[in-house]
Amino acid sequence: MMKMERKMFFMTLCTVLFFTNCVSGDYPKAQNVSWLSINFKTLLMWDPEPSNFSYTVEYSVIGQNREKNQHCIRTMATECDLSNSLGDLKAIYSADVLSKPLLGVNSDLIEFPHTRSERFTPYNDTLIGRPEFKIEVSKDKKKITLYVEDPPTALFNEQNQQRTIRDVFADELQYKVTFGKATSRGKKTKISASSEIELEEGDVDPGVSYCFNVQAYIPSRSTDKQLGELSQRQCSPGD
């Protein structure tokens, strides 16, 4: 009986010490650390889900002091929203995901396991989402106009007004239109610096139904990141 009581006492003591005092040993490193950014809504993501440990995210402009996002300290999540933390859109950032003990648990580790992200520049790397647009056919049916709505971003100006991609990229933003007759597989393309895109004789035949896809086009970017997401296909009415 005494041996059993001693055993139970020892097990309870070990459990208490584990959760309230210093914990020795290492923690698993974060894996698959990557950036997911659409219209400047920027998440840092990683694996695996933690069990008896937590994650803390540190980020910085390359060469500057590292900072922390208050929502990503000792977190059990596997993503961190840094949209509002990356204020200089043209700066080059990196981030570290540190594996740390749970809140309330200390550790004797001097340096915690960490995994560094690839470098990320919001202005160059965020994906531009699919735009919405409306189609208008002129009365004489010789001209088709596309009115493209510049996609909104996750950014706000000093007046707390939401910024569009046009507000951010200004004259660098163009739109690529891919179109063809509704009854044909042939395709044409047109690049426009304006969000109001006019297609006239030479581009379209009068009275014919055409189908359109639109996507943002930023030629100043690297080739693999110049085009945004393709819009949904829309068709104009025909005779």
C-alpha atoms as a PDB file:
ATOM      1  CA  MET A   1       0.000   0.000   0.000  1.00  0.00           C
ATOM      2  CA  MET A   2       2.801   2.375   0.936  1.00  0.00           C
ATOM      3  CA  LYS A   3       4.648   1.566  -2.307  1.00  0.00           C
ATOM      4  CA  MET A   4       1.545   2.340  -4.372  1.00  0.00           C
ATOM      5  CA  GLU A   5       0.993   5.648  -2.568  1.00  0.00           C
ATOM      6  CA  ARG A   6       4.627   6.619  -3.141  1.00  0.00           C
ATOM      7  CA  LYS A   7       4.302   5.734  -6.821  1.00  0.00           C
ATOM      8  CA  MET A   8       1.141   7.836  -7.208  1.00  0.00           C
ATOM      9  CA  PHE A   9       2.778  10.752  -5.385  1.00  0.00           C
ATOM     10  CA  PHE A  10       5.849  10.540  -7.620  1.00  0.00           C
ATOM     11  CA  MET A  11       3.743  10.474 -10.811  1.00  0.00           C
ATOM     12  CA  THR A  12       1.689  13.474  -9.677  1.00  0.00           C
ATOM     13  CA  LEU A  13       4.824  15.395  -8.742  1.00  0.00           C
ATOM     14  CA  CYS A  14       6.382  14.709 -12.146  1.00  0.00           C
ATOM     15  CA  THR A  15       3.253  15.939 -13.919  1.00  0.00           C
ATOM     16  CA  VAL A  16       3.191  19.163 -11.890  1.00  0.00           C
ATOM     17  CA  LEU A  17       6.878  19.783 -12.471  1.00  0.00           C
ATOM     18  CA  PHE A  18       6.457  19.220 -16.202  1.00  0.00           C
ATOM     19  CA  PHE A  19       3.735  21.817 -16.614  1.00  0.00           C
ATOM     20  CA  THR A  20       4.896  24.465 -14.148  1.00  0.00           C
ATOM     21  CA  ASN A  21       8.678  24.367 -14.088  1.00  0.00           C
ATOM     22  CA  CYS A  22      11.516  24.223 -16.546  1.00  0.00           C
ATOM     23  CA  VAL A  23      11.181  21.750 -19.409  1.00  0.00           C
ATOM     24  CA  SER A  24      14.280  20.261 -20.990  1.00  0.00           C
ATOM     25  CA  GLY A  25      14.549  18.989 -24.518  1.00  0.00           C
ATOM     26  CA  ASP A  26      13.942  20.251 -28.013  1.00  0.00           C
ATOM     27  CA  TYR A  27      10.800  21.147 -29.959  1.00  0.00           C
ATOM     28  CA  PRO A  28       9.989  20.200 -33.559  1.00  0.00           C
ATOM     29  CA  LYS A  29      10.948  22.758 -36.170  1.00  0.00           C
ATOM     30  CA  ALA A  30       8.238  24.324 -38.313  1.00  0.00           C
ATOM     31  CA  GLN A  31       8.113  22.858 -41.810  1.00  0.00           C
ATOM     32  CA  ASN A  32       6.855  24.059 -45.195  1.00  0.00           C
ATOM     33  CA  VAL A  33       7.065  27.720 -44.167  1.00  0.00           C
ATOM     34  CA  SER A  34       5.591  29.726 -47.040  1.00  0.00           C
ATOM     35  CA  TRP A  35       3.861  32.973 -47.952  1.00  0.00           C
ATOM     36  CA  LEU A  36       0.279  33.091 -49.227  1.00  0.00           C
ATOM     37  CA  SER A  37      -0.640  36.568 -50.434  1.00  0.00           C
ATOM     38  CA  ILE A  38      -3.614  37.674 -52.545  1.00  0.00           C
ATOM     39  CA  ASN A  39      -4.367  41.375 -53.061  1.00  0.00           C
ATOM     40  CA  PHE A  40      -1.972  42.160 -50.187  1.00  0.00           C
ATOM     41  CA  LYS A  41      -3.811  39.889 -47.739  1.00  0.00           C
ATOM     42  CA  THR A  42      -0.617  38.191 -46.605  1.00  0.00           C
ATOM     43  CA  LEU A  43      -0.393  35.046 -44.503  1.00  0.00           C
ATOM     44  CA  LEU A  44       2.697  33.207 -43.334  1.00  0.00           C
ATOM     45  CA  MET A  45       1.852  29.495 -43.182  1.00  0.00           C
ATOM     46  CA  TRP A  46       3.613  26.374 -41.906  1.00  0.00           C
ATOM     47  CA  ASP A  47       3.275  22.798 -40.534  1.00  0.00           C
ATOM     48  CA  PRO A  48       2.755  20.794 -38.345  1.00  0.00           C
ATOM     49  CA  GLU A  49       0.008  21.563 -35.847  1.00  0.00           C
ATOM     50  CA  PRO A  50       1.602  21.824 -32.368  1.00  0.00           C
ATOM     51  CA  SER A  51       0.754  19.515 -29.467  1.00  0.00           C
ATOM     52  CA  ASN A  52       2.833  20.221 -26.357  1.00  0.00           C
ATOM     53  CA  PHE A  53       4.499  23.353 -27.714  1.00  0.00           C
ATOM     54  CA  SER A  54       3.620  26.627 -29.481  1.00  0.00           C
ATOM     55  CA  TYR A  55       4.836  28.894 -32.258  1.00  0.00           C
ATOM     56  CA  THR A  56       6.051  32.494 -32.303  1.00  0.00           C
ATOM     57  CA  VAL A  57       6.564  34.477 -35.507  1.00  0.00           C
ATOM     58  CA  GLU A  58       9.286  37.083 -35.918  1.00  0.00           C
ATOM     59  CA  TYR A  59       9.652  39.156 -39.086  1.00  0.00           C
ATOM     60  CA  SER A  60      11.725  42.037 -40.411  1.00  0.00           C
ATOM     61  CA  VAL A  61      12.879  43.970 -43.403  1.00  0.00           C
ATOM     62  CA  ILE A  62      16.156  42.372 -44.478  1.00  0.00           C
ATOM     63  CA  GLY A  63      18.984  43.870 -42.409  1.00  0.00           C
ATOM     64  CA  GLN A  64      16.729  45.441 -39.772  1.00  0.00           C
ATOM     65  CA  ASN A  65      15.692  44.387 -36.257  1.00  0.00           C
ATOM     66  CA  ARG A  66      13.140  41.614 -35.999  1.00  0.00           C
ATOM     67  CA  GLU A  67       9.620  42.338 -34.750  1.00  0.00           C
ATOM     68  CA  LYS A  68       6.713  40.268 -33.449  1.00  0.00           C
ATOM     69  CA  ASN A  69       3.032  40.330 -34.334  1.00  0.00           C
ATOM     70  CA  GLN A  70       1.022  40.324 -31.087  1.00  0.00           C
ATOM     71  CA  HIS A  71      -1.420  37.762 -32.502  1.00  0.00           C
ATOM     72  CA  CYS A  72       1.352  35.302 -33.339  1.00  0.00           C
ATOM     73  CA  ILE A  73       3.139  34.875 -30.006  1.00  0.00           C
ATOM     74  CA  ARG A  74       2.976  31.443 -28.338  1.00  0.00           C
ATOM     75  CA  THR A  75       0.175  30.554 -30.738  1.00  0.00           C
ATOM     76  CA  MET A  76      -1.279  27.131 -31.471  1.00  0.00           C
ATOM     77  CA  ALA A  77      -2.167  28.210 -35.025  1.00  0.00           C
ATOM     78  CA  THR A  78      -0.182  27.331 -38.138  1.00  0.00           C
ATOM     79  CA  GLU A  79      -0.628  30.667 -39.883  1.00  0.00           C
ATOM     80  CA  CYS A  80       0.009  34.319 -39.079  1.00  0.00           C
ATOM     81  CA  ASP A  81      -1.677  37.277 -40.766  1.00  0.00           C
ATOM     82  CA  LEU A  82       1.047  39.835 -41.476  1.00  0.00           C
ATOM     83  CA  SER A  83      -1.017  42.011 -43.850  1.00  0.00           C
ATOM     84  CA  ASN A  84      -0.873  45.051 -41.562  1.00  0.00           C
ATOM     85  CA  SER A  85       2.703  44.429 -40.438  1.00  0.00           C
ATOM     86  CA  LEU A  86       4.424  44.766 -43.813  1.00  0.00           C
ATOM     87  CA  GLY A  87       3.984  48.506 -44.173  1.00  0.00           C
ATOM     88  CA  ASP A  88       6.646  49.172 -46.803  1.00  0.00           C
ATOM     89  CA  LEU A  89       5.218  47.293 -49.773  1.00  0.00           C
ATOM     90  CA  LYS A  90       8.446  47.493 -51.774  1.00  0.00           C
ATOM     91  CA  ALA A  91      10.730  46.294 -48.959  1.00  0.00           C
ATOM     92  CA  ILE A  92      12.164  42.773 -48.844  1.00  0.00           C
ATOM     93  CA  TYR A  93      10.984  40.808 -45.807  1.00  0.00           C
ATOM     94  CA  SER A  94      11.821  37.514 -44.176  1.00  0.00           C
ATOM     95  CA  ALA A  95      10.167  35.756 -41.254  1.00  0.00           C
ATOM     96  CA  ASP A  96      11.119  33.107 -38.714  1.00  0.00           C
ATOM     97  CA  VAL A  97       8.749  30.620 -37.115  1.00  0.00           C
ATOM     98  CA  LEU A  98      10.102  29.678 -33.674  1.00  0.00           C
ATOM     99  CA  SER A  99       9.012  26.583 -31.767  1.00  0.00           C
ATOM    100  CA  LYS A 100       8.572  27.469 -28.092  1.00  0.00           C
ATOM    101  CA  PRO A 101       7.020  26.000 -24.927  1.00  0.00           C
ATOM    102  CA  LEU A 102       3.370  26.560 -24.135  1.00  0.00           C
ATOM    103  CA  LEU A 103       2.303  29.657 -22.219  1.00  0.00           C
ATOM    104  CA  GLY A 104       3.142  29.197 -18.538  1.00  0.00           C
ATOM    105  CA  VAL A 105       5.861  26.652 -19.258  1.00  0.00           C
ATOM    106  CA  ASN A 106       9.516  27.622 -19.074  1.00  0.00           C
ATOM    107  CA  SER A 107      12.429  26.049 -20.915  1.00  0.00           C
ATOM    108  CA  ASP A 108      16.163  25.766 -20.378  1.00  0.00           C
ATOM    109  CA  LEU A 109      16.829  26.280 -24.085  1.00  0.00           C
ATOM    110  CA  ILE A 110      18.906  29.358 -24.936  1.00  0.00           C
ATOM    111  CA  GLU A 111      17.982  29.342 -28.617  1.00  0.00           C
ATOM    112  CA  PHE A 112      14.692  27.911 -29.801  1.00  0.00           C
ATOM    113  CA  PRO A 113      14.346  25.852 -32.981  1.00  0.00           C
ATOM    114  CA  HIS A 114      13.303  28.066 -35.867  1.00  0.00           C
ATOM    115  CA  THR A 115      12.665  27.925 -39.591  1.00  0.00           C
ATOM    116  CA  ARG A 116      13.179  30.897 -41.879  1.00  0.00           C
ATOM    117  CA  SER A 117      10.900  31.783 -44.770  1.00  0.00           C
ATOM    118  CA  GLU A 118      11.892  32.712 -48.277  1.00  0.00           C
ATOM    119  CA  ARG A 119      12.213  36.421 -48.935  1.00  0.00           C
ATOM    120  CA  PHE A 120       8.991  38.242 -49.768  1.00  0.00           C
ATOM    121  CA  THR A 121       8.225  41.639 -51.292  1.00  0.00           C
ATOM    122  CA  PRO A 122       4.492  42.464 -51.202  1.00  0.00           C
ATOM    123  CA  TYR A 123       4.596  44.802 -54.212  1.00  0.00           C
ATOM    124  CA  ASN A 124       6.242  42.189 -56.418  1.00  0.00           C
ATOM    125  CA  ASP A 125       4.926  38.935 -54.986  1.00  0.00           C
ATOM    126  CA  THR A 126       1.274  39.276 -53.956  1.00  0.00           C
ATOM    127  CA  LEU A 127      -1.093  37.571 -56.386  1.00  0.00           C
ATOM    128  CA  ILE A 128      -3.686  39.875 -57.946  1.00  0.00           C
ATOM    129  CA  GLY A 129      -7.123  38.305 -57.636  1.00  0.00           C
ATOM    130  CA  ARG A 130      -9.680  37.938 -60.405  1.00  0.00           C
ATOM    131  CA  PRO A 131     -11.399  41.172 -61.442  1.00  0.00           C
ATOM    132  CA  GLU A 132     -15.111  41.697 -62.014  1.00  0.00           C
ATOM    133  CA  PHE A 133     -16.283  43.433 -65.175  1.00  0.00           C
ATOM    134  CA  LYS A 134     -19.408  44.506 -67.030  1.00  0.00           C
ATOM    135  CA  ILE A 135     -20.075  44.400 -70.771  1.00  0.00           C
ATOM    136  CA  GLU A 136     -21.761  47.149 -72.767  1.00  0.00           C
ATOM    137  CA  VAL A 137     -22.569  46.926 -76.493  1.00  0.00           C
ATOM    138  CA  SER A 138     -23.081  50.182 -78.410  1.00  0.00           C
ATOM    139  CA  LYS A 139     -26.415  50.844 -80.104  1.00  0.00           C
ATOM    140  CA  ASP A 140     -24.920  50.380 -83.562  1.00  0.00           C
ATOM    141  CA  LYS A 141     -23.328  47.115 -82.296  1.00  0.00           C
ATOM    142  CA  LYS A 142     -19.935  48.146 -83.651  1.00  0.00           C
ATOM    143  CA  LYS A 143     -18.252  48.638 -80.279  1.00  0.00           C
ATOM    144  CA  ILE A 144     -18.045  46.558 -77.097  1.00  0.00           C
ATOM    145  CA  THR A 145     -16.850  48.218 -73.893  1.00  0.00           C
ATOM    146  CA  LEU A 146     -15.647  46.326 -70.831  1.00  0.00           C
ATOM    147  CA  TYR A 147     -15.853  48.163 -67.515  1.00  0.00           C
ATOM    148  CA  VAL A 148     -13.373  46.493 -65.176  1.00  0.00           C
ATOM    149  CA  GLU A 149     -13.688  46.922 -61.422  1.00  0.00           C
ATOM    150  CA  ASP A 150     -10.217  47.255 -59.906  1.00  0.00           C
ATOM    151  CA  PRO A 151      -9.991  44.512 -57.234  1.00  0.00           C
ATOM    152  CA  PRO A 152      -9.973  45.784 -53.622  1.00  0.00           C
ATOM    153  CA  THR A 153      -6.960  45.033 -51.447  1.00  0.00           C
ATOM    154  CA  ALA A 154      -6.487  44.319 -47.746  1.00  0.00           C
ATOM    155  CA  LEU A 155      -4.880  47.760 -47.384  1.00  0.00           C
ATOM    156  CA  PHE A 156      -6.444  50.982 -46.081  1.00  0.00           C
ATOM    157  CA  ASN A 157      -5.340  54.597 -46.425  1.00  0.00           C
ATOM    158  CA  GLU A 158      -5.029  57.171 -43.646  1.00  0.00           C
ATOM    159  CA  GLN A 159      -8.750  57.955 -43.940  1.00  0.00           C
ATOM    160  CA  ASN A 160      -9.478  54.251 -43.372  1.00  0.00           C
ATOM    161  CA  GLN A 161     -10.683  53.848 -46.945  1.00  0.00           C
ATOM    162  CA  GLN A 162      -9.981  50.532 -48.619  1.00  0.00           C
ATOM    163  CA  ARG A 163      -7.391  50.769 -51.392  1.00  0.00           C
ATOM    164  CA  THR A 164      -7.750  49.078 -54.762  1.00  0.00           C
ATOM    165  CA  ILE A 165      -4.938  47.585 -56.797  1.00  0.00           C
ATOM    166  CA  ARG A 166      -5.140  50.721 -58.977  1.00  0.00           C
ATOM    167  CA  ASP A 167      -4.434  52.835 -55.878  1.00  0.00           C
ATOM    168  CA  VAL A 168      -1.335  50.754 -55.205  1.00  0.00           C
ATOM    169  CA  PHE A 169       0.101  50.159 -58.684  1.00  0.00           C
ATOM    170  CA  ALA A 170      -1.201  53.337 -60.404  1.00  0.00           C
ATOM    171  CA  ASP A 171       0.061  53.489 -64.014  1.00  0.00           C
ATOM    172  CA  GLU A 172       1.902  50.175 -63.679  1.00  0.00           C
ATOM    173  CA  LEU A 173      -1.436  48.343 -63.644  1.00  0.00           C
ATOM    174  CA  GLN A 174      -2.778  47.173 -66.986  1.00  0.00           C
ATOM    175  CA  TYR A 175      -5.395  44.624 -67.976  1.00  0.00           C
ATOM    176  CA  LYS A 176      -5.078  41.757 -70.426  1.00  0.00           C
ATOM    177  CA  VAL A 177      -8.282  40.768 -72.242  1.00  0.00           C
ATOM    178  CA  THR A 178      -8.562  37.369 -73.920  1.00  0.00           C
ATOM    179  CA  PHE A 179     -11.581  37.100 -76.192  1.00  0.00           C
ATOM    180  CA  GLY A 180     -13.103  35.325 -79.146  1.00  0.00           C
ATOM    181  CA  LYS A 181     -16.374  34.700 -80.929  1.00  0.00           C
ATOM    182  CA  ALA A 182     -18.797  32.647 -78.855  1.00  0.00           C
ATOM    183  CA  THR A 183     -19.117  30.184 -81.753  1.00  0.00           C
ATOM    184  CA  SER A 184     -15.367  29.853 -82.372  1.00  0.00           C
ATOM    185  CA  ARG A 185     -12.306  28.536 -80.571  1.00  0.00           C
ATOM    186  CA  GLY A 186     -10.079  31.288 -81.934  1.00  0.00           C
ATOM    187  CA  LYS A 187      -8.703  33.777 -79.404  1.00  0.00           C
ATOM    188  CA  LYS A 188      -7.375  37.314 -79.504  1.00  0.00           C
ATOM    189  CA  THR A 189      -5.708  39.368 -76.788  1.00  0.00           C
ATOM    190  CA  LYS A 190      -5.668  43.070 -76.029  1.00  0.00           C
ATOM    191  CA  ILE A 191      -3.677  44.985 -73.404  1.00  0.00           C
ATOM    192  CA  SER A 192      -5.233  48.101 -71.895  1.00  0.00           C
ATOM    193  CA  ALA A 193      -3.793  50.660 -69.488  1.00  0.00           C
ATOM    194  CA  SER A 194      -7.336  51.699 -68.588  1.00  0.00           C
ATOM    195  CA  SER A 195     -10.049  49.952 -66.582  1.00  0.00           C
ATOM    196  CA  GLU A 196     -12.444  50.951 -69.380  1.00  0.00           C
ATOM    197  CA  ILE A 197     -11.570  48.783 -72.368  1.00  0.00           C
ATOM    198  CA  GLU A 198     -13.024  49.547 -75.781  1.00  0.00           C
ATOM    199  CA  LEU A 199     -13.128  46.979 -78.581  1.00  0.00           C
ATOM    200  CA  GLU A 200     -14.073  48.385 -81.969  1.00  0.00           C
ATOM    201  CA  GLU A 201     -14.045  47.348 -85.625  1.00  0.00           C
ATOM    202  CA  GLY A 202     -10.862  45.429 -86.240  1.00  0.00           C
ATOM    203  CA  ASP A 203     -11.194  43.867 -82.791  1.00  0.00           C
ATOM    204  CA  VAL A 204     -14.820  42.677 -83.066  1.00  0.00           C
ATOM    205  CA  ASP A 205     -17.409  42.182 -85.808  1.00  0.00           C
ATOM    206  CA  PRO A 206     -20.711  44.073 -85.491  1.00  0.00           C
ATOM    207  CA  GLY A 207     -23.620  42.124 -84.019  1.00  0.00           C
ATOM    208  CA  VAL A 208     -21.504  39.067 -83.128  1.00  0.00           C
ATOM    209  CA  SER A 209     -21.439  37.555 -79.632  1.00  0.00           C
ATOM    210  CA  TYR A 210     -17.977  37.530 -78.043  1.00  0.00           C
ATOM    211  CA  CYS A 211     -16.769  35.911 -74.827  1.00  0.00           C
ATOM    212  CA  PHE A 212     -14.199  37.576 -72.577  1.00  0.00           C
ATOM    213  CA  ASN A 213     -11.741  36.846 -69.783  1.00  0.00           C
ATOM    214  CA  VAL A 214      -9.865  39.656 -68.035  1.00  0.00           C
ATOM    215  CA  GLN A 215      -6.829  39.581 -65.749  1.00  0.00           C
ATOM    216  CA  ALA A 216      -4.519  42.150 -64.199  1.00  0.00           C
ATOM    217  CA  TYR A 217      -1.196  42.617 -65.965  1.00  0.00           C
ATOM    218  CA  ILE A 218       1.819  44.270 -64.311  1.00  0.00           C
ATOM    219  CA  PRO A 219       4.709  44.263 -66.825  1.00  0.00           C
ATOM    220  CA  SER A 220       7.239  45.646 -64.308  1.00  0.00           C
ATOM    221  CA  ARG A 221       7.157  42.349 -62.403  1.00  0.00           C
ATOM    222  CA  SER A 222       9.112  39.178 -63.117  1.00  0.00           C
ATOM    223  CA  THR A 223       7.552  37.193 -65.966  1.00  0.00           C
ATOM    224  CA  ASP A 224       6.024  34.496 -63.763  1.00  0.00           C
ATOM    225  CA  LYS A 225       4.196  37.079 -61.613  1.00  0.00           C
ATOM    226  CA  GLN A 226       2.998  39.581 -64.204  1.00  0.00           C
ATOM    227  CA  LEU A 227      -0.500  38.142 -64.663  1.00  0.00           C
ATOM    228  CA  GLY A 228      -3.225  38.006 -62.030  1.00  0.00           C
ATOM    229  CA  GLU A 229      -6.007  35.477 -61.672  1.00  0.00           C
ATOM    230  CA  LEU A 230      -8.271  35.016 -64.680  1.00  0.00           C
ATOM    231  CA  SER A 231     -11.776  36.445 -64.354  1.00  0.00           C
ATOM    232  CA  GLN A 232     -14.907  34.434 -64.882  1.00  0.00           C
ATOM    233  CA  ARG A 233     -15.896  34.168 -68.542  1.00  0.00           C
ATOM    234  CA  GLN A 234     -18.617  36.518 -69.730  1.00  0.00           C
ATOM    235  CA  CYS A 235     -20.208  36.838 -73.163  1.00  0.00           C
ATOM    236  CA  SER A 236     -21.819  39.752 -74.971  1.00  0.00           C
ATOM    237  CA  PRO A 237     -25.237  39.361 -76.616  1.00  0.00           C
ATOM    238  CA  GLY A 238     -25.326  38.831 -80.379  1.00  0.00           C
ATOM    239  CA  ASP A 239     -27.952  39.137 -83.107  1.00  0.00           C
END
